[in-house]
Amino acid sequence: MNRLKWRSLKKFLGRSTCYALVGYLRHIKVSERRARAAYADDLASITNNDFVQMMLLDGCFVVETILLLKEGVGKFEAVQNPIASTSWILPVVARDMLIVEARREEKGGI
């Protein structure tokens, strides 16, 4: 899964016209305290840099997965992305994302 998230980051940055990697890291760093507060788990053991990296990788993964759902899966993408190559998994990932969002909103969001 981690390789897939790094691949999502690379793909996201390749399509980005707003910022380079450093710009995204800065924006996440500014919101780090609020983002940590949105988690139910205690994240004290995760360093600031690791947390920011996790947020960036997870965020890019979410964006790229949503785009995959919207745009459909091409033949090349299905070979490169194990999530895309399994027909039943995209709806499951989408459902899980909605569950996470609902929990975040219950907690007051960020």
PDB file of N, CA and C in Angstrom:
ATOM      1  N   MET A   1       0.826  -1.196   0.000  1.00  0.00           N
ATOM      2  CA  MET A   1       0.000   0.000   0.000  1.00  0.00           C
ATOM      3  C   MET A   1       0.867   1.256   0.000  1.00  0.00           C
ATOM      4  N   ASN A   2       1.982   1.188   0.715  1.00  0.00           N
ATOM      5  CA  ASN A   2       2.846   2.362   0.783  1.00  0.00           C
ATOM      6  C   ASN A   2       3.393   2.740  -0.596  1.00  0.00           C
ATOM      7  N   ARG A   3       3.778   1.737  -1.386  1.00  0.00           N
ATOM      8  CA  ARG A   3       4.262   2.030  -2.746  1.00  0.00           C
ATOM      9  C   ARG A   3       3.171   2.689  -3.575  1.00  0.00           C
ATOM     10  N   LEU A   4       1.957   2.239  -3.387  1.00  0.00           N
ATOM     11  CA  LEU A   4       0.830   2.817  -4.116  1.00  0.00           C
ATOM     12  C   LEU A   4       0.628   4.283  -3.724  1.00  0.00           C
ATOM     13  N   LYS A   5       0.799   4.582  -2.443  1.00  0.00           N
ATOM     14  CA  LYS A   5       0.656   5.972  -1.997  1.00  0.00           C
ATOM     15  C   LYS A   5       1.764   6.851  -2.578  1.00  0.00           C
ATOM     16  N   TRP A   6       2.987   6.338  -2.627  1.00  0.00           N
ATOM     17  CA  TRP A   6       4.076   7.111  -3.233  1.00  0.00           C
ATOM     18  C   TRP A   6       3.814   7.316  -4.724  1.00  0.00           C
ATOM     19  N   ARG A   7       3.268   6.308  -5.377  1.00  0.00           N
ATOM     20  CA  ARG A   7       2.915   6.432  -6.795  1.00  0.00           C
ATOM     21  C   ARG A   7       1.824   7.485  -6.977  1.00  0.00           C
ATOM     22  N   SER A   8       0.871   7.516  -6.049  1.00  0.00           N
ATOM     23  CA  SER A   8      -0.194   8.519  -6.103  1.00  0.00           C
ATOM     24  C   SER A   8       0.381   9.925  -5.944  1.00  0.00           C
ATOM     25  N   LEU A   9       1.342  10.080  -5.043  1.00  0.00           N
ATOM     26  CA  LEU A   9       1.994  11.380  -4.859  1.00  0.00           C
ATOM     27  C   LEU A   9       2.678  11.816  -6.149  1.00  0.00           C
ATOM     28  N   LYS A  10       3.407  10.910  -6.754  1.00  0.00           N
ATOM     29  CA  LYS A  10       4.115  11.240  -7.997  1.00  0.00           C
ATOM     30  C   LYS A  10       3.125  11.654  -9.088  1.00  0.00           C
ATOM     31  N   LYS A  11       2.035  10.918  -9.193  1.00  0.00           N
ATOM     32  CA  LYS A  11       1.027  11.234 -10.207  1.00  0.00           C
ATOM     33  C   LYS A  11       0.365  12.583  -9.910  1.00  0.00           C
ATOM     34  N   PHE A  12       0.054  12.815  -8.644  1.00  0.00           N
ATOM     35  CA  PHE A  12      -0.557  14.076  -8.229  1.00  0.00           C
ATOM     36  C   PHE A  12       0.362  15.252  -8.545  1.00  0.00           C
ATOM     37  N   LEU A  13       1.622  15.136  -8.180  1.00  0.00           N
ATOM     38  CA  LEU A  13       2.572  16.223  -8.436  1.00  0.00           C
ATOM     39  C   LEU A  13       2.770  16.440  -9.934  1.00  0.00           C
ATOM     40  N   GLY A  14       2.671  15.380 -10.709  1.00  0.00           N
ATOM     41  CA  GLY A  14       2.802  15.501 -12.157  1.00  0.00           C
ATOM     42  C   GLY A  14       1.674  16.292 -12.788  1.00  0.00           C
ATOM     43  N   ARG A  15       0.504  16.260 -12.173  1.00  0.00           N
ATOM     44  CA  ARG A  15      -0.632  17.000 -12.722  1.00  0.00           C
ATOM     45  C   ARG A  15      -0.807  18.364 -12.048  1.00  0.00           C
ATOM     46  N   SER A  16      -0.100  18.604 -10.966  1.00  0.00           N
ATOM     47  CA  SER A  16      -0.262  19.831 -10.192  1.00  0.00           C
ATOM     48  C   SER A  16       0.296  21.041 -10.926  1.00  0.00           C
ATOM     49  N   THR A  17      -0.482  22.100 -10.913  1.00  0.00           N
ATOM     50  CA  THR A  17      -0.019  23.364 -11.486  1.00  0.00           C
ATOM     51  C   THR A  17       0.090  24.444 -10.416  1.00  0.00           C
ATOM     52  N   CYS A  18      -0.228  24.093  -9.181  1.00  0.00           N
ATOM     53  CA  CYS A  18      -0.236  25.084  -8.099  1.00  0.00           C
ATOM     54  C   CYS A  18       1.096  25.173  -7.369  1.00  0.00           C
ATOM     55  N   TYR A  19       1.574  24.060  -6.888  1.00  0.00           N
ATOM     56  CA  TYR A  19       2.748  24.055  -6.028  1.00  0.00           C
ATOM     57  C   TYR A  19       3.685  22.922  -6.406  1.00  0.00           C
ATOM     58  N   ALA A  20       4.920  23.089  -5.980  1.00  0.00           N
ATOM     59  CA  ALA A  20       5.862  21.980  -5.990  1.00  0.00           C
ATOM     60  C   ALA A  20       5.680  21.240  -4.665  1.00  0.00           C
ATOM     61  N   LEU A  21       6.376  20.165  -4.492  1.00  0.00           N
ATOM     62  CA  LEU A  21       6.265  19.349  -3.286  1.00  0.00           C
ATOM     63  C   LEU A  21       6.431  20.186  -2.021  1.00  0.00           C
ATOM     64  N   VAL A  22       7.413  21.056  -1.992  1.00  0.00           N
ATOM     65  CA  VAL A  22       7.692  21.871  -0.804  1.00  0.00           C
ATOM     66  C   VAL A  22       6.490  22.747  -0.446  1.00  0.00           C
ATOM     67  N   GLY A  23       5.808  23.266  -1.432  1.00  0.00           N
ATOM     68  CA  GLY A  23       4.631  24.093  -1.177  1.00  0.00           C
ATOM     69  C   GLY A  23       3.519  23.320  -0.496  1.00  0.00           C
ATOM     70  N   TYR A  24       3.273  22.108  -0.949  1.00  0.00           N
ATOM     71  CA  TYR A  24       2.247  21.276  -0.310  1.00  0.00           C
ATOM     72  C   TYR A  24       2.647  20.930   1.122  1.00  0.00           C
ATOM     73  N   LEU A  25       3.914  20.616   1.317  1.00  0.00           N
ATOM     74  CA  LEU A  25       4.383  20.293   2.669  1.00  0.00           C
ATOM     75  C   LEU A  25       4.192  21.485   3.608  1.00  0.00           C
ATOM     76  N   ARG A  26       4.472  22.676   3.128  1.00  0.00           N
ATOM     77  CA  ARG A  26       4.273  23.883   3.952  1.00  0.00           C
ATOM     78  C   ARG A  26       2.811  24.059   4.339  1.00  0.00           C
ATOM     79  N   HIS A  27       1.924  23.881   3.378  1.00  0.00           N
ATOM     80  CA  HIS A  27       0.495  24.043   3.662  1.00  0.00           C
ATOM     81  C   HIS A  27       0.007  23.014   4.676  1.00  0.00           C
ATOM     82  N   ILE A  28       0.482  21.809   4.559  1.00  0.00           N
ATOM     83  CA  ILE A  28       0.080  20.771   5.512  1.00  0.00           C
ATOM     84  C   ILE A  28       0.644  21.091   6.891  1.00  0.00           C
ATOM     85  N   LYS A  29       1.875  21.543   6.934  1.00  0.00           N
ATOM     86  CA  LYS A  29       2.523  21.876   8.209  1.00  0.00           C
ATOM     87  C   LYS A  29       1.729  22.938   8.963  1.00  0.00           C
ATOM     88  N   VAL A  30       1.195  23.912   8.251  1.00  0.00           N
ATOM     89  CA  VAL A  30       0.409  24.976   8.875  1.00  0.00           C
ATOM     90  C   VAL A  30      -0.838  24.411   9.562  1.00  0.00           C
ATOM     91  N   SER A  31      -1.413  23.366   8.996  1.00  0.00           N
ATOM     92  CA  SER A  31      -2.650  22.776   9.531  1.00  0.00           C
ATOM     93  C   SER A  31      -2.400  21.546  10.393  1.00  0.00           C
ATOM     94  N   GLU A  32      -1.156  21.268  10.699  1.00  0.00           N
ATOM     95  CA  GLU A  32      -0.831  20.017  11.392  1.00  0.00           C
ATOM     96  C   GLU A  32      -1.566  19.865  12.725  1.00  0.00           C
ATOM     97  N   ARG A  33      -1.575  20.892  13.530  1.00  0.00           N
ATOM     98  CA  ARG A  33      -2.197  20.788  14.856  1.00  0.00           C
ATOM     99  C   ARG A  33      -3.688  20.454  14.744  1.00  0.00           C
ATOM    100  N   ARG A  34      -4.377  21.146  13.835  1.00  0.00           N
ATOM    101  CA  ARG A  34      -5.811  20.863  13.645  1.00  0.00           C
ATOM    102  C   ARG A  34      -6.029  19.470  13.072  1.00  0.00           C
ATOM    103  N   ALA A  35      -5.156  19.056  12.175  1.00  0.00           N
ATOM    104  CA  ALA A  35      -5.294  17.722  11.583  1.00  0.00           C
ATOM    105  C   ALA A  35      -5.079  16.640  12.637  1.00  0.00           C
ATOM    106  N   ARG A  36      -4.088  16.815  13.479  1.00  0.00           N
ATOM    107  CA  ARG A  36      -3.851  15.837  14.554  1.00  0.00           C
ATOM    108  C   ARG A  36      -5.064  15.739  15.474  1.00  0.00           C
ATOM    109  N   ALA A  37      -5.677  16.867  15.761  1.00  0.00           N
ATOM    110  CA  ALA A  37      -6.830  16.892  16.665  1.00  0.00           C
ATOM    111  C   ALA A  37      -8.030  16.151  16.081  1.00  0.00           C
ATOM    112  N   ALA A  38      -8.074  15.993  14.768  1.00  0.00           N
ATOM    113  CA  ALA A  38      -9.204  15.318  14.128  1.00  0.00           C
ATOM    114  C   ALA A  38      -9.119  13.799  14.243  1.00  0.00           C
ATOM    115  N   TYR A  39      -7.975  13.285  14.640  1.00  0.00           N
ATOM    116  CA  TYR A  39      -7.799  11.839  14.764  1.00  0.00           C
ATOM    117  C   TYR A  39      -8.266  11.362  16.130  1.00  0.00           C
ATOM    118  N   ALA A  40      -8.931  10.225  16.153  1.00  0.00           N
ATOM    119  CA  ALA A  40      -9.371   9.632  17.415  1.00  0.00           C
ATOM    120  C   ALA A  40      -8.186   9.021  18.160  1.00  0.00           C
ATOM    121  N   ASP A  41      -7.208   8.524  17.420  1.00  0.00           N
ATOM    122  CA  ASP A  41      -6.049   7.873  18.032  1.00  0.00           C
ATOM    123  C   ASP A  41      -5.060   8.909  18.554  1.00  0.00           C
ATOM    124  N   ASP A  42      -4.289   8.499  19.543  1.00  0.00           N
ATOM    125  CA  ASP A  42      -3.218   9.346  20.059  1.00  0.00           C
ATOM    126  C   ASP A  42      -2.037   9.248  19.096  1.00  0.00           C
ATOM    127  N   LEU A  43      -1.660  10.360  18.524  1.00  0.00           N
ATOM    128  CA  LEU A  43      -0.588  10.375  17.530  1.00  0.00           C
ATOM    129  C   LEU A  43       0.696  10.986  18.079  1.00  0.00           C
ATOM    130  N   ALA A  44       0.819  11.025  19.397  1.00  0.00           N
ATOM    131  CA  ALA A  44       1.987  11.655  20.016  1.00  0.00           C
ATOM    132  C   ALA A  44       3.293  10.970  19.617  1.00  0.00           C
ATOM    133  N   SER A  45       3.229   9.695  19.300  1.00  0.00           N
ATOM    134  CA  SER A  45       4.454   8.969  18.951  1.00  0.00           C
ATOM    135  C   SER A  45       4.918   9.242  17.519  1.00  0.00           C
ATOM    136  N   ILE A  46       4.086   9.904  16.728  1.00  0.00           N
ATOM    137  CA  ILE A  46       4.451  10.211  15.339  1.00  0.00           C
ATOM    138  C   ILE A  46       5.097  11.592  15.299  1.00  0.00           C
ATOM    139  N   THR A  47       6.297  11.656  14.760  1.00  0.00           N
ATOM    140  CA  THR A  47       7.001  12.941  14.683  1.00  0.00           C
ATOM    141  C   THR A  47       6.252  13.897  13.759  1.00  0.00           C
ATOM    142  N   ASN A  48       6.553  15.173  13.895  1.00  0.00           N
ATOM    143  CA  ASN A  48       5.910  16.181  13.048  1.00  0.00           C
ATOM    144  C   ASN A  48       6.145  15.893  11.570  1.00  0.00           C
ATOM    145  N   ASN A  49       7.390  15.604  11.216  1.00  0.00           N
ATOM    146  CA  ASN A  49       7.703  15.343   9.806  1.00  0.00           C
ATOM    147  C   ASN A  49       7.002  14.090   9.294  1.00  0.00           C
ATOM    148  N   ASP A  50       6.962  13.042  10.110  1.00  0.00           N
ATOM    149  CA  ASP A  50       6.277  11.816   9.696  1.00  0.00           C
ATOM    150  C   ASP A  50       4.781  12.052   9.533  1.00  0.00           C
ATOM    151  N   PHE A  51       4.207  12.860  10.413  1.00  0.00           N
ATOM    152  CA  PHE A  51       2.779  13.154  10.319  1.00  0.00           C
ATOM    153  C   PHE A  51       2.478  13.935   9.040  1.00  0.00           C
ATOM    154  N   VAL A  52       3.290  14.938   8.757  1.00  0.00           N
ATOM    155  CA  VAL A  52       3.090  15.739   7.546  1.00  0.00           C
ATOM    156  C   VAL A  52       3.237  14.854   6.309  1.00  0.00           C
ATOM    157  N   GLN A  53       4.225  13.978   6.316  1.00  0.00           N
ATOM    158  CA  GLN A  53       4.400  13.054   5.193  1.00  0.00           C
ATOM    159  C   GLN A  53       3.185  12.143   5.053  1.00  0.00           C
ATOM    160  N   MET A  54       2.696  11.626   6.169  1.00  0.00           N
ATOM    161  CA  MET A  54       1.523  10.754   6.142  1.00  0.00           C
ATOM    162  C   MET A  54       0.319  11.495   5.560  1.00  0.00           C
ATOM    163  N   MET A  55       0.119  12.730   5.987  1.00  0.00           N
ATOM    164  CA  MET A  55      -1.012  13.509   5.484  1.00  0.00           C
ATOM    165  C   MET A  55      -0.892  13.754   3.981  1.00  0.00           C
ATOM    166  N   LEU A  56       0.314  14.063   3.532  1.00  0.00           N
ATOM    167  CA  LEU A  56       0.523  14.301   2.104  1.00  0.00           C
ATOM    168  C   LEU A  56       0.267  13.026   1.300  1.00  0.00           C
ATOM    169  N   LEU A  57       0.852  11.922   1.733  1.00  0.00           N
ATOM    170  CA  LEU A  57       0.669  10.666   1.003  1.00  0.00           C
ATOM    171  C   LEU A  57      -0.792  10.228   1.008  1.00  0.00           C
ATOM    172  N   ASP A  58      -1.429  10.290   2.168  1.00  0.00           N
ATOM    173  CA  ASP A  58      -2.834   9.880   2.249  1.00  0.00           C
ATOM    174  C   ASP A  58      -3.726  10.807   1.427  1.00  0.00           C
ATOM    175  N   GLY A  59      -3.437  12.102   1.491  1.00  0.00           N
ATOM    176  CA  GLY A  59      -4.232  13.061   0.724  1.00  0.00           C
ATOM    177  C   GLY A  59      -4.119  12.836  -0.774  1.00  0.00           C
ATOM    178  N   CYS A  60      -2.903  12.613  -1.242  1.00  0.00           N
ATOM    179  CA  CYS A  60      -2.707  12.357  -2.672  1.00  0.00           C
ATOM    180  C   CYS A  60      -3.363  11.046  -3.082  1.00  0.00           C
ATOM    181  N   PHE A  61      -3.280  10.051  -2.211  1.00  0.00           N
ATOM    182  CA  PHE A  61      -3.933   8.776  -2.488  1.00  0.00           C
ATOM    183  C   PHE A  61      -5.443   8.966  -2.631  1.00  0.00           C
ATOM    184  N   VAL A  62      -6.031   9.743  -1.738  1.00  0.00           N
ATOM    185  CA  VAL A  62      -7.475   9.991  -1.790  1.00  0.00           C
ATOM    186  C   VAL A  62      -7.839  10.718  -3.084  1.00  0.00           C
ATOM    187  N   VAL A  63      -7.105  11.774  -3.399  1.00  0.00           N
ATOM    188  CA  VAL A  63      -7.399  12.543  -4.615  1.00  0.00           C
ATOM    189  C   VAL A  63      -7.270  11.664  -5.854  1.00  0.00           C
ATOM    190  N   GLU A  64      -6.192  10.916  -5.937  1.00  0.00           N
ATOM    191  CA  GLU A  64      -5.979  10.076  -7.113  1.00  0.00           C
ATOM    192  C   GLU A  64      -7.020   8.962  -7.201  1.00  0.00           C
ATOM    193  N   THR A  65      -7.460   8.447  -6.073  1.00  0.00           N
ATOM    194  CA  THR A  65      -8.498   7.411  -6.086  1.00  0.00           C
ATOM    195  C   THR A  65      -9.826   7.996  -6.539  1.00  0.00           C
ATOM    196  N   ILE A  66     -10.147   9.190  -6.082  1.00  0.00           N
ATOM    197  CA  ILE A  66     -11.380   9.851  -6.525  1.00  0.00           C
ATOM    198  C   ILE A  66     -11.328  10.108  -8.028  1.00  0.00           C
ATOM    199  N   LEU A  67     -10.192  10.570  -8.515  1.00  0.00           N
ATOM    200  CA  LEU A  67     -10.055  10.795  -9.958  1.00  0.00           C
ATOM    201  C   LEU A  67     -10.172   9.484 -10.731  1.00  0.00           C
ATOM    202  N   LEU A  68      -9.643   8.428 -10.168  1.00  0.00           N
ATOM    203  CA  LEU A  68      -9.751   7.116 -10.795  1.00  0.00           C
ATOM    204  C   LEU A  68     -11.215   6.689 -10.884  1.00  0.00           C
ATOM    205  N   LEU A  69     -11.959   6.942  -9.822  1.00  0.00           N
ATOM    206  CA  LEU A  69     -13.393   6.631  -9.829  1.00  0.00           C
ATOM    207  C   LEU A  69     -14.126   7.467 -10.873  1.00  0.00           C
ATOM    208  N   LYS A  70     -13.762   8.740 -10.956  1.00  0.00           N
ATOM    209  CA  LYS A  70     -14.438   9.661 -11.872  1.00  0.00           C
ATOM    210  C   LYS A  70     -14.088   9.370 -13.334  1.00  0.00           C
ATOM    211  N   GLU A  71     -12.814   9.178 -13.595  1.00  0.00           N
ATOM    212  CA  GLU A  71     -12.343   9.052 -14.972  1.00  0.00           C
ATOM    213  C   GLU A  71     -12.409   7.626 -15.505  1.00  0.00           C
ATOM    214  N   GLY A  72     -12.564   6.679 -14.618  1.00  0.00           N
ATOM    215  CA  GLY A  72     -12.551   5.289 -15.046  1.00  0.00           C
ATOM    216  C   GLY A  72     -11.132   4.758 -15.090  1.00  0.00           C
ATOM    217  N   VAL A  73     -11.031   3.501 -15.300  1.00  0.00           N
ATOM    218  CA  VAL A  73      -9.740   2.824 -15.257  1.00  0.00           C
ATOM    219  C   VAL A  73      -9.319   2.448 -16.665  1.00  0.00           C
ATOM    220  N   GLY A  74      -8.196   2.993 -17.085  1.00  0.00           N
ATOM    221  CA  GLY A  74      -7.630   2.608 -18.369  1.00  0.00           C
ATOM    222  C   GLY A  74      -6.827   1.330 -18.223  1.00  0.00           C
ATOM    223  N   LYS A  75      -6.496   0.723 -19.329  1.00  0.00           N
ATOM    224  CA  LYS A  75      -5.760  -0.542 -19.309  1.00  0.00           C
ATOM    225  C   LYS A  75      -4.411  -0.392 -18.603  1.00  0.00           C
ATOM    226  N   PHE A  76      -3.676   0.671 -18.919  1.00  0.00           N
ATOM    227  CA  PHE A  76      -2.370   0.892 -18.297  1.00  0.00           C
ATOM    228  C   PHE A  76      -2.516   1.096 -16.796  1.00  0.00           C
ATOM    229  N   GLU A  77      -3.504   1.873 -16.407  1.00  0.00           N
ATOM    230  CA  GLU A  77      -3.726   2.150 -14.984  1.00  0.00           C
ATOM    231  C   GLU A  77      -4.036   0.866 -14.225  1.00  0.00           C
ATOM    232  N   ALA A  78      -4.808  -0.003 -14.816  1.00  0.00           N
ATOM    233  CA  ALA A  78      -5.163  -1.259 -14.151  1.00  0.00           C
ATOM    234  C   ALA A  78      -3.933  -2.113 -13.889  1.00  0.00           C
ATOM    235  N   VAL A  79      -2.973  -2.064 -14.778  1.00  0.00           N
ATOM    236  CA  VAL A  79      -1.744  -2.833 -14.584  1.00  0.00           C
ATOM    237  C   VAL A  79      -0.890  -2.201 -13.493  1.00  0.00           C
ATOM    238  N   GLN A  80      -0.838  -0.879 -13.454  1.00  0.00           N
ATOM    239  CA  GLN A  80       0.012  -0.153 -12.519  1.00  0.00           C
ATOM    240  C   GLN A  80      -0.561  -0.049 -11.111  1.00  0.00           C
ATOM    241  N   ASN A  81      -1.864  -0.133 -10.987  1.00  0.00           N
ATOM    242  CA  ASN A  81      -2.524   0.161  -9.720  1.00  0.00           C
ATOM    243  C   ASN A  81      -3.362  -1.032  -9.273  1.00  0.00           C
ATOM    244  N   PRO A  82      -2.945  -1.708  -8.209  1.00  0.00           N
ATOM    245  CA  PRO A  82      -3.697  -2.882  -7.765  1.00  0.00           C
ATOM    246  C   PRO A  82      -5.129  -2.560  -7.350  1.00  0.00           C
ATOM    247  N   ILE A  83      -5.380  -1.353  -6.910  1.00  0.00           N
ATOM    248  CA  ILE A  83      -6.751  -0.983  -6.560  1.00  0.00           C
ATOM    249  C   ILE A  83      -7.607  -0.937  -7.821  1.00  0.00           C
ATOM    250  N   ALA A  84      -7.040  -0.407  -8.885  1.00  0.00           N
ATOM    251  CA  ALA A  84      -7.794  -0.287 -10.135  1.00  0.00           C
ATOM    252  C   ALA A  84      -7.985  -1.625 -10.831  1.00  0.00           C
ATOM    253  N   SER A  85      -7.103  -2.567 -10.575  1.00  0.00           N
ATOM    254  CA  SER A  85      -7.170  -3.836 -11.295  1.00  0.00           C
ATOM    255  C   SER A  85      -8.193  -4.805 -10.710  1.00  0.00           C
ATOM    256  N   THR A  86      -8.750  -4.487  -9.567  1.00  0.00           N
ATOM    257  CA  THR A  86      -9.751  -5.342  -8.940  1.00  0.00           C
ATOM    258  C   THR A  86     -11.084  -4.611  -8.983  1.00  0.00           C
ATOM    259  N   SER A  87     -12.007  -5.107  -9.768  1.00  0.00           N
ATOM    260  CA  SER A  87     -13.234  -4.365 -10.058  1.00  0.00           C
ATOM    261  C   SER A  87     -14.056  -4.022  -8.821  1.00  0.00           C
ATOM    262  N   TRP A  88     -14.053  -4.859  -7.818  1.00  0.00           N
ATOM    263  CA  TRP A  88     -14.904  -4.623  -6.656  1.00  0.00           C
ATOM    264  C   TRP A  88     -14.294  -3.652  -5.660  1.00  0.00           C
ATOM    265  N   ILE A  89     -13.002  -3.366  -5.776  1.00  0.00           N
ATOM    266  CA  ILE A  89     -12.340  -2.629  -4.705  1.00  0.00           C
ATOM    267  C   ILE A  89     -12.595  -1.119  -4.736  1.00  0.00           C
ATOM    268  N   LEU A  90     -12.773  -0.528  -5.914  1.00  0.00           N
ATOM    269  CA  LEU A  90     -13.000   0.921  -5.963  1.00  0.00           C
ATOM    270  C   LEU A  90     -14.250   1.342  -5.191  1.00  0.00           C
ATOM    271  N   PRO A  91     -15.380   0.659  -5.350  1.00  0.00           N
ATOM    272  CA  PRO A  91     -16.541   1.042  -4.531  1.00  0.00           C
ATOM    273  C   PRO A  91     -16.296   0.859  -3.030  1.00  0.00           C
ATOM    274  N   VAL A  92     -15.513  -0.137  -2.657  1.00  0.00           N
ATOM    275  CA  VAL A  92     -15.202  -0.353  -1.239  1.00  0.00           C
ATOM    276  C   VAL A  92     -14.337   0.790  -0.709  1.00  0.00           C
ATOM    277  N   VAL A  93     -13.330   1.193  -1.483  1.00  0.00           N
ATOM    278  CA  VAL A  93     -12.478   2.312  -1.080  1.00  0.00           C
ATOM    279  C   VAL A  93     -13.312   3.588  -0.981  1.00  0.00           C
ATOM    280  N   ALA A  94     -14.184   3.812  -1.942  1.00  0.00           N
ATOM    281  CA  ALA A  94     -15.049   5.000  -1.911  1.00  0.00           C
ATOM    282  C   ALA A  94     -15.933   4.988  -0.666  1.00  0.00           C
ATOM    283  N   ARG A  95     -16.504   3.844  -0.342  1.00  0.00           N
ATOM    284  CA  ARG A  95     -17.340   3.735   0.859  1.00  0.00           C
ATOM    285  C   ARG A  95     -16.528   4.032   2.116  1.00  0.00           C
ATOM    286  N   ASP A  96     -15.324   3.473   2.193  1.00  0.00           N
ATOM    287  CA  ASP A  96     -14.470   3.714   3.359  1.00  0.00           C
ATOM    288  C   ASP A  96     -14.115   5.186   3.499  1.00  0.00           C
ATOM    289  N   MET A  97     -13.889   5.854   2.371  1.00  0.00           N
ATOM    290  CA  MET A  97     -13.596   7.291   2.419  1.00  0.00           C
ATOM    291  C   MET A  97     -14.789   8.065   2.963  1.00  0.00           C
ATOM    292  N   LEU A  98     -15.983   7.680   2.569  1.00  0.00           N
ATOM    293  CA  LEU A  98     -17.181   8.350   3.070  1.00  0.00           C
ATOM    294  C   LEU A  98     -17.360   8.113   4.566  1.00  0.00           C
ATOM    295  N   ILE A  99     -17.047   6.919   5.024  1.00  0.00           N
ATOM    296  CA  ILE A  99     -17.138   6.618   6.456  1.00  0.00           C
ATOM    297  C   ILE A  99     -16.154   7.483   7.237  1.00  0.00           C
ATOM    298  N   VAL A 100     -14.936   7.588   6.741  1.00  0.00           N
ATOM    299  CA  VAL A 100     -13.929   8.421   7.408  1.00  0.00           C
ATOM    300  C   VAL A 100     -14.393   9.869   7.452  1.00  0.00           C
ATOM    301  N   GLU A 101     -14.945  10.364   6.355  1.00  0.00           N
ATOM    302  CA  GLU A 101     -15.431  11.743   6.310  1.00  0.00           C
ATOM    303  C   GLU A 101     -16.567  11.951   7.303  1.00  0.00           C
ATOM    304  N   ALA A 102     -17.471  11.001   7.394  1.00  0.00           N
ATOM    305  CA  ALA A 102     -18.585  11.123   8.336  1.00  0.00           C
ATOM    306  C   ALA A 102     -18.076  11.166   9.774  1.00  0.00           C
ATOM    307  N   ARG A 103     -17.098  10.350  10.086  1.00  0.00           N
ATOM    308  CA  ARG A 103     -16.522  10.355  11.438  1.00  0.00           C
ATOM    309  C   ARG A 103     -15.823  11.673  11.722  1.00  0.00           C
ATOM    310  N   ARG A 104     -15.140  12.194  10.717  1.00  0.00           N
ATOM    311  CA  ARG A 104     -14.445  13.475  10.884  1.00  0.00           C
ATOM    312  C   ARG A 104     -15.456  14.579  11.175  1.00  0.00           C
ATOM    313  N   GLU A 105     -16.563  14.578  10.449  1.00  0.00           N
ATOM    314  CA  GLU A 105     -17.588  15.600  10.661  1.00  0.00           C
ATOM    315  C   GLU A 105     -18.235  15.464  12.033  1.00  0.00           C
ATOM    316  N   GLU A 106     -18.432  14.226  12.492  1.00  0.00           N
ATOM    317  CA  GLU A 106     -18.990  14.011  13.830  1.00  0.00           C
ATOM    318  C   GLU A 106     -18.091  14.616  14.899  1.00  0.00           C
ATOM    319  N   LYS A 107     -16.795  14.546  14.655  1.00  0.00           N
ATOM    320  CA  LYS A 107     -15.826  15.042  15.627  1.00  0.00           C
ATOM    321  C   LYS A 107     -15.622  16.552  15.516  1.00  0.00           C
ATOM    322  N   GLY A 108     -16.197  17.165  14.521  1.00  0.00           N
ATOM    323  CA  GLY A 108     -16.066  18.609  14.378  1.00  0.00           C
ATOM    324  C   GLY A 108     -15.196  19.036  13.224  1.00  0.00           C
ATOM    325  N   GLY A 109     -14.660  18.075  12.479  1.00  0.00           N
ATOM    326  CA  GLY A 109     -13.868  18.379  11.289  1.00  0.00           C
ATOM    327  C   GLY A 109     -12.601  19.144  11.578  1.00  0.00           C
ATOM    328  N   ILE A 110     -11.920  19.475  10.492  1.00  0.00           N
ATOM    329  CA  ILE A 110     -10.711  20.297  10.622  1.00  0.00           C
ATOM    330  C   ILE A 110     -10.830  21.511   9.743  1.00  0.00           C
TER     331      ILE A 110
END
